Amino acid sequence: MNLLNYGKRVYSVISSGVPSDMITHDLIRDIYGVEVLVRHDAEAGLHLIPIGVGL
């Protein structure tokens, strides 16, 4: 993914809603190439737990 596409993607996420709704496993994998578990906690908020590097 080139820098222009990365910027468009990040802007799209920021302008589309609240982080807990927008930050997903697929989004993190597509942008950063990292596999994560995305967990939501009512008290602590959003957790991204790295589980590996995507191929």
Protein backbone atom coordinates (compact mmCIF):
# COMPACT_ATOMS: atom_id res chain seq x y z
CA MET A 1 0.00 0.00 0.00
CA ASN A 2 1.52 3.33 -0.97
CA LEU A 3 1.57 6.38 1.28
CA LEU A 4 -1.30 8.14 -0.51
CA ASN A 5 -3.60 5.14 -0.14
CA TYR A 6 -2.55 4.77 3.50
CA GLY A 7 -3.46 8.41 4.19
CA LYS A 8 -6.82 8.06 2.48
CA ARG A 9 -7.57 4.92 4.47
CA VAL A 10 -6.65 6.51 7.81
CA TYR A 11 -8.73 9.61 7.01
CA SER A 12 -11.65 7.41 6.01
CA VAL A 13 -11.51 5.56 9.33
CA ILE A 14 -11.21 8.73 11.38
CA SER A 15 -14.11 10.39 9.61
CA SER A 16 -16.39 7.35 9.70
CA GLY A 17 -17.13 6.86 13.39
CA VAL A 18 -15.91 6.13 16.87
CA PRO A 19 -12.73 4.01 17.23
CA SER A 20 -14.48 1.14 18.99
CA ASP A 21 -16.69 0.70 15.92
CA MET A 22 -14.08 1.38 13.24
CA ILE A 23 -10.87 -0.31 14.39
CA THR A 24 -11.08 -3.92 13.30
CA HIS A 25 -8.77 -6.89 12.86
CA ASP A 26 -8.98 -6.49 9.07
CA LEU A 27 -8.18 -2.78 9.16
CA ILE A 28 -5.06 -3.24 11.29
CA ARG A 29 -3.90 -6.16 9.14
CA ASP A 30 -4.45 -4.24 5.90
CA ILE A 31 -2.67 -1.08 7.04
CA TYR A 32 0.14 -2.48 9.21
CA GLY A 33 0.43 -6.11 8.13
CA VAL A 34 0.00 -7.29 11.72
CA GLU A 35 -2.51 -9.82 13.00
CA VAL A 36 -4.27 -8.62 16.16
CA LEU A 37 -7.12 -9.55 18.43
CA VAL A 38 -9.41 -6.56 18.92
CA ARG A 39 -11.14 -6.53 22.28
CA HIS A 40 -13.55 -3.99 23.73
CA ASP A 41 -13.85 -3.48 27.47
CA ALA A 42 -16.49 -1.22 29.00
CA GLU A 43 -14.11 0.12 31.64
CA ALA A 44 -10.69 0.03 29.94
CA GLY A 45 -11.73 0.72 26.34
CA LEU A 46 -10.22 -0.73 23.19
CA HIS A 47 -7.41 -3.31 23.34
CA LEU A 48 -5.29 -4.44 20.38
CA ILE A 49 -3.41 -7.64 21.18
CA PRO A 50 -0.72 -8.53 18.61
CA ILE A 51 -0.72 -12.20 17.64
CA GLY A 52 1.61 -12.26 14.61
CA VAL A 53 2.78 -10.68 11.40
CA GLY A 54 0.51 -11.13 8.39
CA LEU A 55 1.74 -12.53 5.10
